[in-house]
Protein backbone atom coordinates (compact mmCIF):
# COMPACT_ATOMS: atom_id res chain seq x y z
CA MET A 1 -8.48 -50.50 16.25
CA ASN A 2 -11.66 -50.38 14.17
CA SER A 3 -11.59 -46.56 14.12
CA ILE A 4 -8.03 -46.59 12.76
CA VAL A 5 -8.99 -49.01 9.98
CA LEU A 6 -12.08 -46.91 9.15
CA THR A 7 -9.99 -43.70 9.05
CA VAL A 8 -7.39 -45.29 6.74
CA LEU A 9 -10.17 -46.61 4.50
CA LEU A 10 -11.82 -43.17 4.26
CA PHE A 11 -8.52 -41.47 3.45
CA SER A 12 -7.75 -44.05 0.77
CA LEU A 13 -11.12 -43.32 -0.91
CA ALA A 14 -10.68 -39.52 -0.75
CA PRO A 15 -8.79 -39.27 -4.10
CA VAL A 16 -11.65 -41.11 -5.83
CA PHE A 17 -14.20 -38.56 -4.60
CA ALA A 18 -11.86 -35.65 -5.37
CA MET A 19 -11.52 -36.76 -9.00
CA ALA A 20 -15.27 -37.11 -9.57
CA GLN A 21 -16.72 -35.09 -12.44
CA PRO A 22 -19.22 -32.32 -11.64
CA ILE A 23 -22.88 -33.15 -12.16
CA VAL A 24 -24.68 -30.88 -14.66
CA LEU A 25 -28.10 -30.01 -13.30
CA ALA A 26 -29.28 -28.11 -16.38
CA ASP A 27 -27.84 -26.99 -19.70
CA PHE A 28 -29.67 -24.23 -21.53
CA GLY A 29 -27.32 -24.12 -24.51
CA GLY A 30 -25.23 -21.26 -23.22
CA LYS A 31 -28.18 -18.85 -23.19
CA PRO A 32 -28.69 -16.74 -20.06
CA LEU A 33 -31.65 -17.49 -17.84
CA LEU A 34 -34.32 -14.82 -17.51
CA TRP A 35 -33.16 -13.80 -14.04
CA THR A 36 -29.56 -13.35 -15.28
CA GLN A 37 -30.54 -11.52 -18.48
CA ASP A 38 -29.54 -8.10 -17.12
CA LEU A 39 -26.14 -9.41 -16.06
CA HIS A 40 -25.30 -10.17 -19.68
CA ALA A 41 -26.88 -7.12 -21.32
CA GLU A 42 -24.38 -5.58 -23.71
CA SER A 43 -26.54 -2.57 -24.54
CA LEU A 44 -26.18 -0.98 -21.13
CA PRO A 45 -23.69 1.91 -20.96
CA PRO A 46 -20.80 1.53 -18.52
CA ILE A 47 -21.30 3.07 -15.12
CA PRO A 48 -18.98 6.09 -14.73
CA LEU A 49 -16.72 5.97 -11.72
CA LYS A 50 -16.95 8.92 -9.41
CA ARG A 51 -13.61 10.05 -8.01
CA ILE A 52 -13.84 11.02 -4.37
CA PRO A 53 -11.29 13.70 -3.51
CA PHE A 54 -8.97 13.00 -0.60
CA ALA A 55 -8.76 15.92 1.80
CA PRO A 56 -6.50 15.28 4.79
CA ALA A 57 -7.21 17.05 8.06
CA TYR A 58 -4.49 19.54 8.87
CA PRO A 59 -2.36 19.90 10.85
CA ILE A 60 -0.57 16.58 10.28
CA ARG A 61 1.43 15.97 13.45
CA THR A 62 3.70 13.06 14.27
CA VAL A 63 4.48 13.15 17.97
CA GLY A 64 7.19 10.49 17.82
CA MET A 65 9.28 12.09 15.06
CA ARG A 66 11.14 15.34 14.53
CA PRO A 67 13.90 16.61 12.24
CA GLY A 68 17.35 15.29 13.09
CA ALA A 69 20.15 12.91 12.26
CA VAL A 70 19.24 9.40 11.12
CA HIS A 71 21.92 6.74 11.32
CA LYS A 72 22.05 4.02 8.67
CA LYS A 73 19.98 1.05 9.79
CA VAL A 74 19.03 -2.36 8.39
CA LEU A 75 15.40 -3.37 8.82
CA PRO A 76 14.25 -6.98 9.34
CA THR A 77 11.97 -6.80 6.27
CA ALA A 78 12.29 -4.96 2.97
CA ALA A 79 9.97 -2.19 1.78
CA ALA A 80 7.99 -3.02 -1.35
CA MET A 81 9.10 0.23 -2.99
CA PRO A 82 11.50 3.05 -2.14
CA ILE A 83 9.92 5.55 0.26
CA PHE A 84 11.12 8.62 2.08
CA VAL A 85 9.86 10.70 4.98
CA VAL A 86 10.10 14.48 5.32
CA GLY A 87 8.38 17.29 7.16
CA TYR A 88 7.80 20.97 6.56
CA ASP A 89 11.07 22.26 8.00
CA SER A 90 14.37 23.66 6.77
CA GLN A 91 16.26 20.36 7.22
CA SER A 92 13.70 18.49 5.07
CA PHE A 93 13.82 21.17 2.34
CA ALA A 94 17.63 21.00 2.28
CA TRP A 95 17.55 17.16 2.22
CA LEU A 96 15.04 17.18 -0.66
CA HIS A 97 17.18 19.65 -2.60
CA HIS A 98 20.30 17.54 -2.10
CA ASN A 99 18.66 14.14 -2.84
CA LYS A 100 15.98 15.00 -5.42
CA GLN A 101 17.68 13.35 -8.40
CA HIS A 102 18.45 10.20 -6.40
CA LEU A 103 14.80 10.03 -5.25
CA LEU A 104 13.61 10.44 -8.85
CA ASP A 105 16.00 7.78 -10.13
CA ALA A 106 14.86 5.36 -7.40
CA GLY A 107 11.16 6.05 -8.08
CA ALA A 108 10.63 6.86 -4.42
CA HIS A 109 7.30 7.97 -2.94
CA GLY A 110 7.39 10.58 -0.19
CA PHE A 111 5.45 10.85 3.05
CA VAL A 112 5.11 14.18 4.84
CA VAL A 113 4.76 13.54 8.56
CA ASN A 114 4.71 17.06 10.01
CA VAL A 115 2.94 19.87 8.16
CA ALA A 116 0.59 22.50 9.60
CA THR A 117 -1.55 23.63 6.66
CA SER A 118 -2.62 22.62 3.17
CA GLN A 119 -0.71 25.65 1.85
CA GLN A 120 2.52 24.37 3.43
CA PHE A 121 1.89 20.93 1.96
CA ALA A 122 1.26 22.48 -1.49
CA ARG A 123 4.54 24.41 -1.21
CA LEU A 124 6.39 21.20 -0.30
CA GLN A 125 4.74 19.41 -3.24
CA GLU A 126 5.85 22.16 -5.63
CA TYR A 127 9.39 21.96 -4.25
CA ALA A 128 9.53 18.16 -4.62
CA ALA A 129 7.74 17.96 -8.01
CA PRO A 130 7.52 15.67 -9.93
CA ILE A 131 8.00 13.35 -6.94
CA THR A 132 4.71 12.26 -5.36
CA LEU A 133 4.10 13.22 -1.72
CA SER A 134 1.36 12.11 0.66
CA PRO A 135 0.56 13.68 4.03
CA VAL A 136 0.44 11.00 6.75
CA ASN A 137 0.79 10.63 10.47
CA GLY A 138 4.20 9.02 10.92
CA ASP A 139 3.69 7.52 14.36
CA ASP A 140 3.59 4.05 12.76
CA PHE A 141 7.01 4.68 11.19
CA SER A 142 8.29 5.69 14.58
CA ARG A 143 6.72 2.79 16.46
CA HIS A 144 7.36 -0.06 14.01
CA LEU A 145 10.73 1.01 12.62
CA GLY A 146 12.16 2.54 15.79
CA LEU A 147 12.83 5.85 14.02
CA THR A 148 12.49 9.14 15.87
CA HIS A 149 14.04 11.51 13.33
CA TYR A 150 13.61 12.42 9.67
CA PRO A 151 14.26 13.03 6.78
CA PHE A 152 15.18 9.51 5.70
CA LEU A 153 14.97 7.16 2.74
CA ILE A 154 14.12 3.46 2.83
CA ILE A 155 15.32 1.36 -0.12
CA GLY A 156 14.90 -2.39 0.30
CA ASN A 157 15.62 -3.01 3.97
CA GLU A 158 18.06 -0.10 4.46
CA VAL A 159 17.22 3.19 6.13
CA MET A 160 19.56 6.05 5.24
CA GLN A 161 19.71 9.79 5.37
């Protein structure tokens, strides 16, 4: 019984401690301390950022996916932005040609899941321009979304071809 009373008492005093003002240990008038002087130096030039080029390892192969028919499907969660998946094959080129304006209007980002060389990827990029493409292994698409064929487009929580 005593432990219950003690617990209730401690919880009733918690708001008092939570509202306490911070204790100022030292106030140097807003001037930086010697050891923080460099942190506030305005005369130092900004450090230039070095861009590290991304160079994927080719070939990009997705074992769980190949070109084919994709039936309309509703996913349990929505994609943050419209995305589509293609490969370097005649069906993907035809699909891109047919859907390019729709992909542009939707602001979709493309993932290339099967491409053998950087030259093939560059050709696909030229064909899809100005749409952005990224070469990726699509096994996660296959595993998590239950998709075994491409090309397809995901808008919101709908998968369509």
